[in-house]
Amino acid sequence: MDKDEVIPFLKPCPFCNDLPQIVFSGTYRVQCTDCGANGPPFPSSDGAAKRWNRRGSSDPMDGFS
């Protein structure tokens, strides 16, 4: 992540309620530092954060691994 990039707000992990972090490995994704849950990949950190924060109400696993 670029040093000038603003770090977006992240909701706690839906599985363990710990605080996640944004990681980069070719694409950005949000990863829980405690249980290892991953959000879906995205080309930008902001997009990855938005996808992490947007959770399907019918299936809590939707988009997560």
PDB file of N, CA and C in Angstrom:
ATOM      1  N   MET A   1       0.842  -1.167   0.000  1.00  0.00           N
ATOM      2  CA  MET A   1       0.000   0.000   0.000  1.00  0.00           C
ATOM      3  C   MET A   1       0.893   1.238   0.000  1.00  0.00           C
ATOM      4  N   ASP A   2       0.536   2.181  -0.836  1.00  0.00           N
ATOM      5  CA  ASP A   2       1.286   3.426  -0.952  1.00  0.00           C
ATOM      6  C   ASP A   2       1.230   4.182   0.376  1.00  0.00           C
ATOM      7  N   LYS A   3       2.349   4.789   0.768  1.00  0.00           N
ATOM      8  CA  LYS A   3       2.411   5.474   2.061  1.00  0.00           C
ATOM      9  C   LYS A   3       1.452   6.655   2.152  1.00  0.00           C
ATOM     10  N   ASP A   4       1.035   7.212   1.000  1.00  0.00           N
ATOM     11  CA  ASP A   4       0.102   8.338   1.000  1.00  0.00           C
ATOM     12  C   ASP A   4      -1.354   7.897   0.900  1.00  0.00           C
ATOM     13  N   GLU A   5      -1.590   6.592   0.753  1.00  0.00           N
ATOM     14  CA  GLU A   5      -2.946   6.092   0.605  1.00  0.00           C
ATOM     15  C   GLU A   5      -3.668   6.113   1.963  1.00  0.00           C
ATOM     16  N   VAL A   6      -4.902   6.566   1.948  1.00  0.00           N
ATOM     17  CA  VAL A   6      -5.707   6.613   3.167  1.00  0.00           C
ATOM     18  C   VAL A   6      -6.199   5.210   3.486  1.00  0.00           C
ATOM     19  N   ILE A   7      -6.046   4.806   4.737  1.00  0.00           N
ATOM     20  CA  ILE A   7      -6.506   3.482   5.144  1.00  0.00           C
ATOM     21  C   ILE A   7      -7.990   3.569   5.461  1.00  0.00           C
ATOM     22  N   PRO A   8      -8.817   2.788   4.745  1.00  0.00           N
ATOM     23  CA  PRO A   8     -10.258   2.857   4.987  1.00  0.00           C
ATOM     24  C   PRO A   8     -10.669   2.159   6.276  1.00  0.00           C
ATOM     25  N   PHE A   9     -11.837   2.530   6.784  1.00  0.00           N
ATOM     26  CA  PHE A   9     -12.409   1.896   7.972  1.00  0.00           C
ATOM     27  C   PHE A   9     -12.798   0.465   7.636  1.00  0.00           C
ATOM     28  N   LEU A  10     -12.486  -0.466   8.527  1.00  0.00           N
ATOM     29  CA  LEU A  10     -12.845  -1.871   8.337  1.00  0.00           C
ATOM     30  C   LEU A  10     -13.717  -2.344   9.484  1.00  0.00           C
ATOM     31  N   LYS A  11     -14.806  -3.024   9.152  1.00  0.00           N
ATOM     32  CA  LYS A  11     -15.642  -3.637  10.183  1.00  0.00           C
ATOM     33  C   LYS A  11     -14.878  -4.798  10.800  1.00  0.00           C
ATOM     34  N   PRO A  12     -15.202  -5.168  12.037  1.00  0.00           N
ATOM     35  CA  PRO A  12     -14.566  -6.336  12.654  1.00  0.00           C
ATOM     36  C   PRO A  12     -14.893  -7.609  11.877  1.00  0.00           C
ATOM     37  N   CYS A  13     -14.106  -8.630  12.092  1.00  0.00           N
ATOM     38  CA  CYS A  13     -14.312  -9.916  11.433  1.00  0.00           C
ATOM     39  C   CYS A  13     -15.698 -10.469  11.800  1.00  0.00           C
ATOM     40  N   PRO A  14     -16.454 -10.976  10.799  1.00  0.00           N
ATOM     41  CA  PRO A  14     -17.784 -11.514  11.094  1.00  0.00           C
ATOM     42  C   PRO A  14     -17.735 -12.862  11.813  1.00  0.00           C
ATOM     43  N   PHE A  15     -16.569 -13.466  11.890  1.00  0.00           N
ATOM     44  CA  PHE A  15     -16.449 -14.796  12.487  1.00  0.00           C
ATOM     45  C   PHE A  15     -15.905 -14.760  13.916  1.00  0.00           C
ATOM     46  N   CYS A  16     -14.916 -13.882  14.182  1.00  0.00           N
ATOM     47  CA  CYS A  16     -14.308 -13.868  15.513  1.00  0.00           C
ATOM     48  C   CYS A  16     -14.336 -12.481  16.158  1.00  0.00           C
ATOM     49  N   ASN A  17     -14.802 -11.469  15.416  1.00  0.00           N
ATOM     50  CA  ASN A  17     -14.933 -10.097  15.901  1.00  0.00           C
ATOM     51  C   ASN A  17     -13.592  -9.400  16.149  1.00  0.00           C
ATOM     52  N   ASP A  18     -12.492  -9.957  15.627  1.00  0.00           N
ATOM     53  CA  ASP A  18     -11.189  -9.315  15.755  1.00  0.00           C
ATOM     54  C   ASP A  18     -11.038  -8.250  14.661  1.00  0.00           C
ATOM     55  N   LEU A  19     -10.023  -7.410  14.782  1.00  0.00           N
ATOM     56  CA  LEU A  19      -9.779  -6.363  13.792  1.00  0.00           C
ATOM     57  C   LEU A  19      -8.958  -6.922  12.629  1.00  0.00           C
ATOM     58  N   PRO A  20      -9.417  -6.707  11.395  1.00  0.00           N
ATOM     59  CA  PRO A  20      -8.695  -7.186  10.221  1.00  0.00           C
ATOM     60  C   PRO A  20      -7.665  -6.178   9.730  1.00  0.00           C
ATOM     61  N   GLN A  21      -6.938  -6.575   8.699  1.00  0.00           N
ATOM     62  CA  GLN A  21      -5.989  -5.677   8.052  1.00  0.00           C
ATOM     63  C   GLN A  21      -6.079  -5.866   6.544  1.00  0.00           C
ATOM     64  N   ILE A  22      -5.613  -4.875   5.801  1.00  0.00           N
ATOM     65  CA  ILE A  22      -5.562  -4.975   4.348  1.00  0.00           C
ATOM     66  C   ILE A  22      -4.203  -5.533   3.971  1.00  0.00           C
ATOM     67  N   VAL A  23      -4.206  -6.562   3.132  1.00  0.00           N
ATOM     68  CA  VAL A  23      -2.960  -7.172   2.667  1.00  0.00           C
ATOM     69  C   VAL A  23      -2.912  -7.082   1.140  1.00  0.00           C
ATOM     70  N   PHE A  24      -1.706  -7.067   0.597  1.00  0.00           N
ATOM     71  CA  PHE A  24      -1.523  -6.988  -0.851  1.00  0.00           C
ATOM     72  C   PHE A  24      -0.665  -8.151  -1.316  1.00  0.00           C
ATOM     73  N   SER A  25      -1.190  -8.873  -2.293  1.00  0.00           N
ATOM     74  CA  SER A  25      -0.461  -9.975  -2.915  1.00  0.00           C
ATOM     75  C   SER A  25      -0.907 -10.057  -4.372  1.00  0.00           C
ATOM     76  N   GLY A  26      -0.556  -9.034  -5.141  1.00  0.00           N
ATOM     77  CA  GLY A  26      -1.022  -8.938  -6.517  1.00  0.00           C
ATOM     78  C   GLY A  26      -2.346  -8.199  -6.604  1.00  0.00           C
ATOM     79  N   THR A  27      -3.240  -8.451  -5.663  1.00  0.00           N
ATOM     80  CA  THR A  27      -4.487  -7.710  -5.473  1.00  0.00           C
ATOM     81  C   THR A  27      -4.625  -7.436  -3.982  1.00  0.00           C
ATOM     82  N   TYR A  28      -5.528  -6.545  -3.655  1.00  0.00           N
ATOM     83  CA  TYR A  28      -5.778  -6.231  -2.245  1.00  0.00           C
ATOM     84  C   TYR A  28      -6.896  -7.121  -1.716  1.00  0.00           C
ATOM     85  N   ARG A  29      -6.785  -7.480  -0.457  1.00  0.00           N
ATOM     86  CA  ARG A  29      -7.869  -8.179   0.224  1.00  0.00           C
ATOM     87  C   ARG A  29      -7.765  -7.849   1.698  1.00  0.00           C
ATOM     88  N   VAL A  30      -8.871  -8.021   2.396  1.00  0.00           N
ATOM     89  CA  VAL A  30      -8.889  -7.812   3.837  1.00  0.00           C
ATOM     90  C   VAL A  30      -8.758  -9.174   4.483  1.00  0.00           C
ATOM     91  N   GLN A  31      -7.902  -9.266   5.486  1.00  0.00           N
ATOM     92  CA  GLN A  31      -7.665 -10.535   6.166  1.00  0.00           C
ATOM     93  C   GLN A  31      -7.727 -10.321   7.671  1.00  0.00           C
ATOM     94  N   CYS A  32      -8.401 -11.249   8.350  1.00  0.00           N
ATOM     95  CA  CYS A  32      -8.457 -11.212   9.807  1.00  0.00           C
ATOM     96  C   CYS A  32      -7.131 -11.715  10.359  1.00  0.00           C
ATOM     97  N   THR A  33      -6.561 -10.972  11.278  1.00  0.00           N
ATOM     98  CA  THR A  33      -5.272 -11.354  11.853  1.00  0.00           C
ATOM     99  C   THR A  33      -5.409 -12.476  12.871  1.00  0.00           C
ATOM    100  N   ASP A  34      -6.631 -12.720  13.364  1.00  0.00           N
ATOM    101  CA  ASP A  34      -6.835 -13.760  14.368  1.00  0.00           C
ATOM    102  C   ASP A  34      -7.223 -15.095  13.739  1.00  0.00           C
ATOM    103  N   CYS A  35      -8.354 -15.144  13.034  1.00  0.00           N
ATOM    104  CA  CYS A  35      -8.846 -16.427  12.517  1.00  0.00           C
ATOM    105  C   CYS A  35      -8.437 -16.684  11.070  1.00  0.00           C
ATOM    106  N   GLY A  36      -7.918 -15.665  10.364  1.00  0.00           N
ATOM    107  CA  GLY A  36      -7.442 -15.853   8.998  1.00  0.00           C
ATOM    108  C   GLY A  36      -8.504 -15.736   7.928  1.00  0.00           C
ATOM    109  N   ALA A  37      -9.723 -15.340   8.279  1.00  0.00           N
ATOM    110  CA  ALA A  37     -10.769 -15.155   7.268  1.00  0.00           C
ATOM    111  C   ALA A  37     -10.304 -14.107   6.256  1.00  0.00           C
ATOM    112  N   ASN A  38     -10.617 -14.343   4.986  1.00  0.00           N
ATOM    113  CA  ASN A  38     -10.235 -13.438   3.908  1.00  0.00           C
ATOM    114  C   ASN A  38     -11.454 -12.913   3.194  1.00  0.00           C
ATOM    115  N   GLY A  39     -11.428 -11.628   2.876  1.00  0.00           N
ATOM    116  CA  GLY A  39     -12.449 -11.062   2.017  1.00  0.00           C
ATOM    117  C   GLY A  39     -12.059 -11.290   0.565  1.00  0.00           C
ATOM    118  N   PRO A  40     -12.953 -10.993  -0.359  1.00  0.00           N
ATOM    119  CA  PRO A  40     -12.667 -11.173  -1.777  1.00  0.00           C
ATOM    120  C   PRO A  40     -11.600 -10.193  -2.274  1.00  0.00           C
ATOM    121  N   PRO A  41     -10.810 -10.591  -3.263  1.00  0.00           N
ATOM    122  CA  PRO A  41      -9.757  -9.711  -3.791  1.00  0.00           C
ATOM    123  C   PRO A  41     -10.337  -8.552  -4.592  1.00  0.00           C
ATOM    124  N   PHE A  42      -9.567  -7.463  -4.650  1.00  0.00           N
ATOM    125  CA  PHE A  42      -9.975  -6.283  -5.403  1.00  0.00           C
ATOM    126  C   PHE A  42      -8.718  -5.535  -5.829  1.00  0.00           C
ATOM    127  N   PRO A  43      -8.750  -4.814  -6.963  1.00  0.00           N
ATOM    128  CA  PRO A  43      -7.566  -4.090  -7.437  1.00  0.00           C
ATOM    129  C   PRO A  43      -7.118  -2.917  -6.561  1.00  0.00           C
ATOM    130  N   SER A  44      -8.011  -2.402  -5.701  1.00  0.00           N
ATOM    131  CA  SER A  44      -7.632  -1.280  -4.832  1.00  0.00           C
ATOM    132  C   SER A  44      -7.945  -1.622  -3.381  1.00  0.00           C
ATOM    133  N   SER A  45      -7.228  -0.982  -2.462  1.00  0.00           N
ATOM    134  CA  SER A  45      -7.478  -1.226  -1.039  1.00  0.00           C
ATOM    135  C   SER A  45      -8.857  -0.708  -0.635  1.00  0.00           C
ATOM    136  N   ASP A  46      -9.276   0.421  -1.214  1.00  0.00           N
ATOM    137  CA  ASP A  46     -10.585   0.964  -0.906  1.00  0.00           C
ATOM    138  C   ASP A  46     -11.694   0.010  -1.341  1.00  0.00           C
ATOM    139  N   GLY A  47     -11.542  -0.563  -2.526  1.00  0.00           N
ATOM    140  CA  GLY A  47     -12.530  -1.525  -3.026  1.00  0.00           C
ATOM    141  C   GLY A  47     -12.573  -2.786  -2.179  1.00  0.00           C
ATOM    142  N   ALA A  48     -11.409  -3.263  -1.750  1.00  0.00           N
ATOM    143  CA  ALA A  48     -11.356  -4.448  -0.891  1.00  0.00           C
ATOM    144  C   ALA A  48     -12.052  -4.167   0.434  1.00  0.00           C
ATOM    145  N   ALA A  49     -11.843  -2.971   0.979  1.00  0.00           N
ATOM    146  CA  ALA A  49     -12.486  -2.595   2.240  1.00  0.00           C
ATOM    147  C   ALA A  49     -14.003  -2.517   2.071  1.00  0.00           C
ATOM    148  N   LYS A  50     -14.456  -1.936   0.969  1.00  0.00           N
ATOM    149  CA  LYS A  50     -15.898  -1.830   0.722  1.00  0.00           C
ATOM    150  C   LYS A  50     -16.526  -3.221   0.591  1.00  0.00           C
ATOM    151  N   ARG A  51     -15.827  -4.135  -0.080  1.00  0.00           N
ATOM    152  CA  ARG A  51     -16.358  -5.498  -0.233  1.00  0.00           C
ATOM    153  C   ARG A  51     -16.367  -6.222   1.114  1.00  0.00           C
ATOM    154  N   TRP A  52     -15.368  -6.005   1.938  1.00  0.00           N
ATOM    155  CA  TRP A  52     -15.327  -6.612   3.275  1.00  0.00           C
ATOM    156  C   TRP A  52     -16.482  -6.083   4.134  1.00  0.00           C
ATOM    157  N   ASN A  53     -16.695  -4.784   4.064  1.00  0.00           N
ATOM    158  CA  ASN A  53     -17.721  -4.151   4.890  1.00  0.00           C
ATOM    159  C   ASN A  53     -19.138  -4.440   4.407  1.00  0.00           C
ATOM    160  N   ARG A  54     -19.293  -4.787   3.128  1.00  0.00           N
ATOM    161  CA  ARG A  54     -20.609  -5.094   2.570  1.00  0.00           C
ATOM    162  C   ARG A  54     -20.818  -6.600   2.684  1.00  0.00           C
ATOM    163  N   ARG A  55     -21.642  -6.997   3.619  1.00  0.00           N
ATOM    164  CA  ARG A  55     -21.840  -8.421   3.873  1.00  0.00           C
ATOM    165  C   ARG A  55     -23.256  -8.813   3.524  1.00  0.00           C
ATOM    166  N   GLY A  56     -23.378  -9.952   2.850  1.00  0.00           N
ATOM    167  CA  GLY A  56     -24.702 -10.472   2.530  1.00  0.00           C
ATOM    168  C   GLY A  56     -25.432 -10.881   3.798  1.00  0.00           C
ATOM    169  N   SER A  57     -26.675 -10.474   3.923  1.00  0.00           N
ATOM    170  CA  SER A  57     -27.428 -10.786   5.131  1.00  0.00           C
ATOM    171  C   SER A  57     -27.901 -12.234   5.151  1.00  0.00           C
ATOM    172  N   SER A  58     -28.037 -12.860   3.987  1.00  0.00           N
ATOM    173  CA  SER A  58     -28.546 -14.226   3.958  1.00  0.00           C
ATOM    174  C   SER A  58     -27.453 -15.263   4.207  1.00  0.00           C
ATOM    175  N   ASP A  59     -26.229 -14.975   3.814  1.00  0.00           N
ATOM    176  CA  ASP A  59     -25.138 -15.932   3.987  1.00  0.00           C
ATOM    177  C   ASP A  59     -23.901 -15.210   4.501  1.00  0.00           C
ATOM    178  N   PRO A  60     -23.534 -15.384   5.781  1.00  0.00           N
ATOM    179  CA  PRO A  60     -22.377 -14.681   6.329  1.00  0.00           C
ATOM    180  C   PRO A  60     -21.065 -15.072   5.675  1.00  0.00           C
ATOM    181  N   MET A  61     -21.026 -16.201   4.959  1.00  0.00           N
ATOM    182  CA  MET A  61     -19.808 -16.652   4.284  1.00  0.00           C
ATOM    183  C   MET A  61     -19.686 -16.076   2.874  1.00  0.00           C
ATOM    184  N   ASP A  62     -20.695 -15.347   2.403  1.00  0.00           N
ATOM    185  CA  ASP A  62     -20.721 -14.825   1.052  1.00  0.00           C
ATOM    186  C   ASP A  62     -19.500 -13.957   0.768  1.00  0.00           C
ATOM    187  N   GLY A  63     -18.639 -14.423  -0.134  1.00  0.00           N
ATOM    188  CA  GLY A  63     -17.466 -13.661  -0.524  1.00  0.00           C
ATOM    189  C   GLY A  63     -16.251 -13.849   0.373  1.00  0.00           C
ATOM    190  N   PHE A  64     -16.383 -14.642   1.429  1.00  0.00           N
ATOM    191  CA  PHE A  64     -15.270 -14.857   2.370  1.00  0.00           C
ATOM    192  C   PHE A  64     -14.754 -16.271   2.267  1.00  0.00           C
ATOM    193  N   SER A  65     -13.508 -16.447   2.611  1.00  0.00           N
ATOM    194  CA  SER A  65     -12.928 -17.790   2.623  1.00  0.00           C
ATOM    195  C   SER A  65     -12.264 -18.050   3.961  1.00  0.00           C
TER     196      SER A  65
END
